[in-house]
Amino acid sequence: MKRPALLLAIAISCSHPARAEDSGAYLGAGLADGVLSGCTKATSACYQYSSSSHTNASLHLLGGYNFSRYAGVESSLSGLGEYDAENAYGVAVGTVKVSALTLAARGGYKFSSGLSVFGKLGLALVRTQYSPGLAWPFASANNQRSTGTILGFGCQYDFNNTFGIRVSLETVSFSDDVFKGDITGTNLLAIFRL
């Protein structure tokens, strides 16, 4: 084993016994990637959106507070991607860019090993920015704000008292004047306890 790999293994094993406390505030930053499903409400043609985002990953910011090892609350701000709007023939007629501010209750369990599993449920304030193309039927629908819900689950591993890594899957459901659907995204975040 090479020396840097050995030093990394020793550092991880030394950080293993010291785990984050059960309660307290935390911040997180990382990347989110989304898949959109649903269609527009305003026409019988039901314009579809491309399922995968043009942007491979968007910035995801998170802040929260753990009341105990079982429950907490958190808020996040995340870009959810940019998607093509396509007509019935698969021709792009515009784009939509989606972002969300969320507030959710979080419940789960933290094991003594530093691994925790959780689920979350809450409200989402969704902003959609429509950029019409030449054949876009919703010329007046440039920007929309709507409320929706967020549902998610994931796991987190705390390396020590201040740093951890989180992987989660979240679905934001929303409905504005133009669109009704869901964005399901995977998140990879670095978590820093305060």
C-alpha atoms as a PDB file:
ATOM      1  CA  MET A   1       0.000   0.000   0.000  1.00  0.00           C
ATOM      2  CA  LYS A   2       1.371   3.391  -0.905  1.00  0.00           C
ATOM      3  CA  ARG A   3       2.017   5.922   1.832  1.00  0.00           C
ATOM      4  CA  PRO A   4      -0.748   8.469   0.879  1.00  0.00           C
ATOM      5  CA  ALA A   5      -3.372   5.701   0.772  1.00  0.00           C
ATOM      6  CA  LEU A   6      -2.183   4.400   4.160  1.00  0.00           C
ATOM      7  CA  LEU A   7      -2.351   7.910   5.676  1.00  0.00           C
ATOM      8  CA  LEU A   8      -5.881   8.381   4.303  1.00  0.00           C
ATOM      9  CA  ALA A   9      -6.983   5.036   5.780  1.00  0.00           C
ATOM     10  CA  ILE A  10      -5.522   5.986   9.184  1.00  0.00           C
ATOM     11  CA  ALA A  11      -7.212   9.423   9.076  1.00  0.00           C
ATOM     12  CA  ILE A  12     -10.610   7.897   8.306  1.00  0.00           C
ATOM     13  CA  SER A  13     -10.284   5.263  11.010  1.00  0.00           C
ATOM     14  CA  CYS A  14      -9.187   7.865  13.574  1.00  0.00           C
ATOM     15  CA  SER A  15     -12.179  10.050  12.755  1.00  0.00           C
ATOM     16  CA  HIS A  16     -14.581   7.103  13.090  1.00  0.00           C
ATOM     17  CA  PRO A  17     -15.194   7.140  16.887  1.00  0.00           C
ATOM     18  CA  ALA A  18     -15.902  10.881  17.073  1.00  0.00           C
ATOM     19  CA  ARG A  19     -19.387  11.403  15.678  1.00  0.00           C
ATOM     20  CA  ALA A  20     -21.513  14.495  15.348  1.00  0.00           C
ATOM     21  CA  GLU A  21     -23.822  15.323  18.225  1.00  0.00           C
ATOM     22  CA  ASP A  22     -27.480  14.425  17.996  1.00  0.00           C
ATOM     23  CA  SER A  23     -28.756  18.018  17.780  1.00  0.00           C
ATOM     24  CA  GLY A  24     -27.599  21.274  16.241  1.00  0.00           C
ATOM     25  CA  ALA A  25     -27.502  23.359  13.084  1.00  0.00           C
ATOM     26  CA  TYR A  26     -25.863  22.405   9.809  1.00  0.00           C
ATOM     27  CA  LEU A  27     -25.219  23.773   6.317  1.00  0.00           C
ATOM     28  CA  GLY A  28     -24.770  21.888   3.085  1.00  0.00           C
ATOM     29  CA  ALA A  29     -23.699  22.562  -0.476  1.00  0.00           C
ATOM     30  CA  GLY A  30     -23.521  20.331  -3.497  1.00  0.00           C
ATOM     31  CA  LEU A  31     -25.034  19.352  -6.817  1.00  0.00           C
ATOM     32  CA  ALA A  32     -28.524  18.311  -7.923  1.00  0.00           C
ATOM     33  CA  ASP A  33     -29.620  16.681 -11.169  1.00  0.00           C
ATOM     34  CA  GLY A  34     -33.279  16.398 -12.162  1.00  0.00           C
ATOM     35  CA  VAL A  35     -35.668  14.522 -14.428  1.00  0.00           C
ATOM     36  CA  LEU A  36     -38.960  16.208 -15.373  1.00  0.00           C
ATOM     37  CA  SER A  37     -42.253  14.397 -15.931  1.00  0.00           C
ATOM     38  CA  GLY A  38     -45.670  15.871 -16.726  1.00  0.00           C
ATOM     39  CA  CYS A  39     -47.150  18.120 -19.395  1.00  0.00           C
ATOM     40  CA  THR A  40     -48.683  21.520 -19.958  1.00  0.00           C
ATOM     41  CA  LYS A  41     -52.247  22.124 -18.815  1.00  0.00           C
ATOM     42  CA  ALA A  42     -53.349  24.845 -21.208  1.00  0.00           C
ATOM     43  CA  THR A  43     -53.748  22.888 -24.445  1.00  0.00           C
ATOM     44  CA  SER A  44     -55.320  19.633 -25.458  1.00  0.00           C
ATOM     45  CA  ALA A  45     -52.106  18.890 -27.370  1.00  0.00           C
ATOM     46  CA  CYS A  46     -50.349  18.389 -24.009  1.00  0.00           C
ATOM     47  CA  TYR A  47     -46.873  19.694 -24.834  1.00  0.00           C
ATOM     48  CA  GLN A  48     -44.214  17.454 -23.352  1.00  0.00           C
ATOM     49  CA  TYR A  49     -40.901  18.441 -21.848  1.00  0.00           C
ATOM     50  CA  SER A  50     -37.598  16.717 -22.392  1.00  0.00           C
ATOM     51  CA  SER A  51     -37.107  14.381 -19.476  1.00  0.00           C
ATOM     52  CA  SER A  52     -33.469  15.216 -18.794  1.00  0.00           C
ATOM     53  CA  SER A  53     -32.048  18.642 -18.122  1.00  0.00           C
ATOM     54  CA  HIS A  54     -29.702  20.554 -20.441  1.00  0.00           C
ATOM     55  CA  THR A  55     -27.625  21.329 -17.370  1.00  0.00           C
ATOM     56  CA  ASN A  56     -25.875  18.228 -16.058  1.00  0.00           C
ATOM     57  CA  ALA A  57     -25.981  19.491 -12.472  1.00  0.00           C
ATOM     58  CA  SER A  58     -27.299  22.528 -10.610  1.00  0.00           C
ATOM     59  CA  LEU A  59     -26.191  24.134  -7.361  1.00  0.00           C
ATOM     60  CA  HIS A  60     -28.033  22.894  -4.260  1.00  0.00           C
ATOM     61  CA  LEU A  61     -27.758  24.809  -0.954  1.00  0.00           C
ATOM     62  CA  LEU A  62     -29.147  23.466   2.317  1.00  0.00           C
ATOM     63  CA  GLY A  63     -29.555  24.607   5.907  1.00  0.00           C
ATOM     64  CA  GLY A  64     -31.172  22.779   8.770  1.00  0.00           C
ATOM     65  CA  TYR A  65     -31.466  21.991  12.441  1.00  0.00           C
ATOM     66  CA  ASN A  66     -31.589  18.585  14.162  1.00  0.00           C
ATOM     67  CA  PHE A  67     -33.749  18.536  17.283  1.00  0.00           C
ATOM     68  CA  SER A  68     -32.617  14.992  18.098  1.00  0.00           C
ATOM     69  CA  ARG A  69     -31.164  11.973  16.316  1.00  0.00           C
ATOM     70  CA  TYR A  70     -34.697  11.268  15.038  1.00  0.00           C
ATOM     71  CA  ALA A  71     -36.156  14.609  13.881  1.00  0.00           C
ATOM     72  CA  GLY A  72     -35.222  17.928  12.351  1.00  0.00           C
ATOM     73  CA  VAL A  73     -36.218  20.640   9.909  1.00  0.00           C
ATOM     74  CA  GLU A  74     -34.393  21.885   6.834  1.00  0.00           C
ATOM     75  CA  SER A  75     -34.672  24.412   4.043  1.00  0.00           C
ATOM     76  CA  SER A  76     -33.002  24.288   0.646  1.00  0.00           C
ATOM     77  CA  LEU A  77     -32.522  26.386  -2.466  1.00  0.00           C
ATOM     78  CA  SER A  78     -31.860  24.449  -5.628  1.00  0.00           C
ATOM     79  CA  GLY A  79     -31.786  24.775  -9.367  1.00  0.00           C
ATOM     80  CA  LEU A  80     -33.833  21.902 -10.777  1.00  0.00           C
ATOM     81  CA  GLY A  81     -32.643  22.117 -14.375  1.00  0.00           C
ATOM     82  CA  GLU A  82     -33.512  23.543 -17.787  1.00  0.00           C
ATOM     83  CA  TYR A  83     -35.732  21.548 -20.136  1.00  0.00           C
ATOM     84  CA  ASP A  84     -37.000  21.733 -23.736  1.00  0.00           C
ATOM     85  CA  ALA A  85     -40.723  22.063 -24.363  1.00  0.00           C
ATOM     86  CA  GLU A  86     -41.629  19.871 -27.322  1.00  0.00           C
ATOM     87  CA  ASN A  87     -44.801  19.711 -29.399  1.00  0.00           C
ATOM     88  CA  ALA A  88     -46.565  16.499 -30.419  1.00  0.00           C
ATOM     89  CA  TYR A  89     -44.008  15.993 -33.213  1.00  0.00           C
ATOM     90  CA  GLY A  90     -40.999  16.230 -30.888  1.00  0.00           C
ATOM     91  CA  VAL A  91     -39.980  19.692 -32.145  1.00  0.00           C
ATOM     92  CA  ALA A  92     -38.606  22.061 -29.483  1.00  0.00           C
ATOM     93  CA  VAL A  93     -40.848  25.130 -29.149  1.00  0.00           C
ATOM     94  CA  GLY A  94     -39.186  26.709 -26.111  1.00  0.00           C
ATOM     95  CA  THR A  95     -37.413  26.035 -22.838  1.00  0.00           C
ATOM     96  CA  VAL A  96     -38.272  26.167 -19.167  1.00  0.00           C
ATOM     97  CA  LYS A  97     -35.817  26.685 -16.298  1.00  0.00           C
ATOM     98  CA  VAL A  98     -36.972  25.535 -12.849  1.00  0.00           C
ATOM     99  CA  SER A  99     -35.725  26.343  -9.336  1.00  0.00           C
ATOM    100  CA  ALA A 100     -37.233  25.761  -5.884  1.00  0.00           C
ATOM    101  CA  LEU A 101     -37.027  26.997  -2.306  1.00  0.00           C
ATOM    102  CA  THR A 102     -38.186  24.294   0.104  1.00  0.00           C
ATOM    103  CA  LEU A 103     -39.019  23.904   3.796  1.00  0.00           C
ATOM    104  CA  ALA A 104     -39.412  20.344   5.079  1.00  0.00           C
ATOM    105  CA  ALA A 105     -39.705  18.263   8.228  1.00  0.00           C
ATOM    106  CA  ARG A 106     -37.094  15.522   8.355  1.00  0.00           C
ATOM    107  CA  GLY A 107     -37.277  12.277  10.293  1.00  0.00           C
ATOM    108  CA  GLY A 108     -34.943   9.331  10.433  1.00  0.00           C
ATOM    109  CA  TYR A 109     -32.428   7.446  12.484  1.00  0.00           C
ATOM    110  CA  LYS A 110     -28.727   7.945  13.141  1.00  0.00           C
ATOM    111  CA  PHE A 111     -26.639   4.855  13.862  1.00  0.00           C
ATOM    112  CA  SER A 112     -23.625   4.942  16.162  1.00  0.00           C
ATOM    113  CA  SER A 113     -21.371   4.215  13.163  1.00  0.00           C
ATOM    114  CA  GLY A 114     -22.068   7.718  11.781  1.00  0.00           C
ATOM    115  CA  LEU A 115     -24.471   6.534   9.094  1.00  0.00           C
ATOM    116  CA  SER A 116     -27.978   8.007   9.128  1.00  0.00           C
ATOM    117  CA  VAL A 117     -31.066   7.383   7.006  1.00  0.00           C
ATOM    118  CA  PHE A 118     -33.905   9.874   6.662  1.00  0.00           C
ATOM    119  CA  GLY A 119     -37.086  10.899   4.915  1.00  0.00           C
ATOM    120  CA  LYS A 120     -38.431  14.408   4.425  1.00  0.00           C
ATOM    121  CA  LEU A 121     -41.762  15.988   3.539  1.00  0.00           C
ATOM    122  CA  GLY A 122     -42.592  19.650   3.114  1.00  0.00           C
ATOM    123  CA  LEU A 123     -43.540  22.618   0.978  1.00  0.00           C
ATOM    124  CA  ALA A 124     -41.828  24.007  -2.119  1.00  0.00           C
ATOM    125  CA  LEU A 125     -41.966  27.479  -3.666  1.00  0.00           C
ATOM    126  CA  VAL A 126     -41.204  26.810  -7.343  1.00  0.00           C
ATOM    127  CA  ARG A 127     -40.072  29.374  -9.912  1.00  0.00           C
ATOM    128  CA  THR A 128     -40.406  28.515 -13.588  1.00  0.00           C
ATOM    129  CA  GLN A 129     -38.866  30.739 -16.265  1.00  0.00           C
ATOM    130  CA  TYR A 130     -40.307  30.081 -19.715  1.00  0.00           C
ATOM    131  CA  SER A 131     -38.369  31.129 -22.823  1.00  0.00           C
ATOM    132  CA  PRO A 132     -40.682  30.850 -25.821  1.00  0.00           C
ATOM    133  CA  GLY A 133     -39.541  29.798 -29.272  1.00  0.00           C
ATOM    134  CA  LEU A 134     -41.268  30.771 -32.519  1.00  0.00           C
ATOM    135  CA  ALA A 135     -44.006  28.156 -32.159  1.00  0.00           C
ATOM    136  CA  TRP A 136     -44.528  28.629 -28.402  1.00  0.00           C
ATOM    137  CA  PRO A 137     -48.275  28.915 -27.692  1.00  0.00           C
ATOM    138  CA  PHE A 138     -47.862  30.545 -24.245  1.00  0.00           C
ATOM    139  CA  ALA A 139     -46.292  33.873 -25.241  1.00  0.00           C
ATOM    140  CA  SER A 140     -47.538  35.655 -22.113  1.00  0.00           C
ATOM    141  CA  ALA A 141     -46.288  32.967 -19.699  1.00  0.00           C
ATOM    142  CA  ASN A 142     -42.690  34.080 -19.229  1.00  0.00           C
ATOM    143  CA  ASN A 143     -42.227  33.571 -15.485  1.00  0.00           C
ATOM    144  CA  GLN A 144     -44.391  31.713 -13.009  1.00  0.00           C
ATOM    145  CA  ARG A 145     -44.310  31.173  -9.254  1.00  0.00           C
ATOM    146  CA  SER A 146     -46.252  28.362  -7.670  1.00  0.00           C
ATOM    147  CA  THR A 147     -46.372  26.285  -4.516  1.00  0.00           C
ATOM    148  CA  GLY A 148     -45.916  22.561  -4.399  1.00  0.00           C
ATOM    149  CA  THR A 149     -44.577  19.763  -2.242  1.00  0.00           C
ATOM    150  CA  ILE A 150     -41.259  18.039  -1.704  1.00  0.00           C
ATOM    151  CA  LEU A 151     -40.829  14.399  -0.768  1.00  0.00           C
ATOM    152  CA  GLY A 152     -37.428  12.800  -0.333  1.00  0.00           C
ATOM    153  CA  PHE A 153     -35.286  10.156   1.296  1.00  0.00           C
ATOM    154  CA  GLY A 154     -31.575   9.517   1.564  1.00  0.00           C
ATOM    155  CA  CYS A 155     -28.595   8.666   3.702  1.00  0.00           C
ATOM    156  CA  GLN A 156     -25.707  10.569   5.220  1.00  0.00           C
ATOM    157  CA  TYR A 157     -22.343   9.530   6.582  1.00  0.00           C
ATOM    158  CA  ASP A 158     -20.593  11.755   9.154  1.00  0.00           C
ATOM    159  CA  PHE A 159     -16.823  11.399   9.050  1.00  0.00           C
ATOM    160  CA  ASN A 160     -16.345  13.411  12.253  1.00  0.00           C
ATOM    161  CA  ASN A 161     -18.050  16.102  14.381  1.00  0.00           C
ATOM    162  CA  THR A 162     -18.075  18.686  11.604  1.00  0.00           C
ATOM    163  CA  PHE A 163     -18.169  17.036   8.173  1.00  0.00           C
ATOM    164  CA  GLY A 164     -20.370  14.537   6.369  1.00  0.00           C
ATOM    165  CA  ILE A 165     -21.535  13.462   2.900  1.00  0.00           C
ATOM    166  CA  ARG A 166     -25.213  13.105   1.936  1.00  0.00           C
ATOM    167  CA  VAL A 167     -26.864  11.345  -1.009  1.00  0.00           C
ATOM    168  CA  SER A 168     -30.603  11.799  -1.493  1.00  0.00           C
ATOM    169  CA  LEU A 169     -33.468  11.414  -3.949  1.00  0.00           C
ATOM    170  CA  GLU A 170     -36.136  14.139  -3.889  1.00  0.00           C
ATOM    171  CA  THR A 171     -39.314  14.823  -5.871  1.00  0.00           C
ATOM    172  CA  VAL A 172     -40.742  18.331  -6.204  1.00  0.00           C
ATOM    173  CA  SER A 173     -44.377  18.336  -7.412  1.00  0.00           C
ATOM    174  CA  PHE A 174     -45.860  21.616  -8.640  1.00  0.00           C
ATOM    175  CA  SER A 175     -48.526  23.166 -10.834  1.00  0.00           C
ATOM    176  CA  ASP A 176     -48.424  26.679 -12.335  1.00  0.00           C
ATOM    177  CA  ASP A 177     -50.527  28.370 -15.030  1.00  0.00           C
ATOM    178  CA  VAL A 178     -48.758  26.394 -17.769  1.00  0.00           C
ATOM    179  CA  PHE A 179     -47.359  23.170 -16.353  1.00  0.00           C
ATOM    180  CA  LYS A 180     -48.281  20.387 -13.935  1.00  0.00           C
ATOM    181  CA  GLY A 181     -45.752  17.714 -13.093  1.00  0.00           C
ATOM    182  CA  ASP A 182     -42.851  16.429 -11.015  1.00  0.00           C
ATOM    183  CA  ILE A 183     -39.104  16.878 -10.993  1.00  0.00           C
ATOM    184  CA  THR A 184     -37.234  13.990  -9.403  1.00  0.00           C
ATOM    185  CA  GLY A 185     -33.616  14.716  -8.622  1.00  0.00           C
ATOM    186  CA  THR A 186     -30.578  13.108  -7.091  1.00  0.00           C
ATOM    187  CA  ASN A 187     -28.436  15.207  -4.778  1.00  0.00           C
ATOM    188  CA  LEU A 188     -24.858  14.868  -3.609  1.00  0.00           C
ATOM    189  CA  LEU A 189     -24.028  17.255  -0.762  1.00  0.00           C
ATOM    190  CA  ALA A 190     -21.213  18.039   1.624  1.00  0.00           C
ATOM    191  CA  ILE A 191     -22.644  18.739   5.100  1.00  0.00           C
ATOM    192  CA  PHE A 192     -20.935  21.018   7.636  1.00  0.00           C
ATOM    193  CA  ARG A 193     -22.119  21.155  11.229  1.00  0.00           C
ATOM    194  CA  LEU A 194     -22.013  24.504  13.019  1.00  0.00           C
END
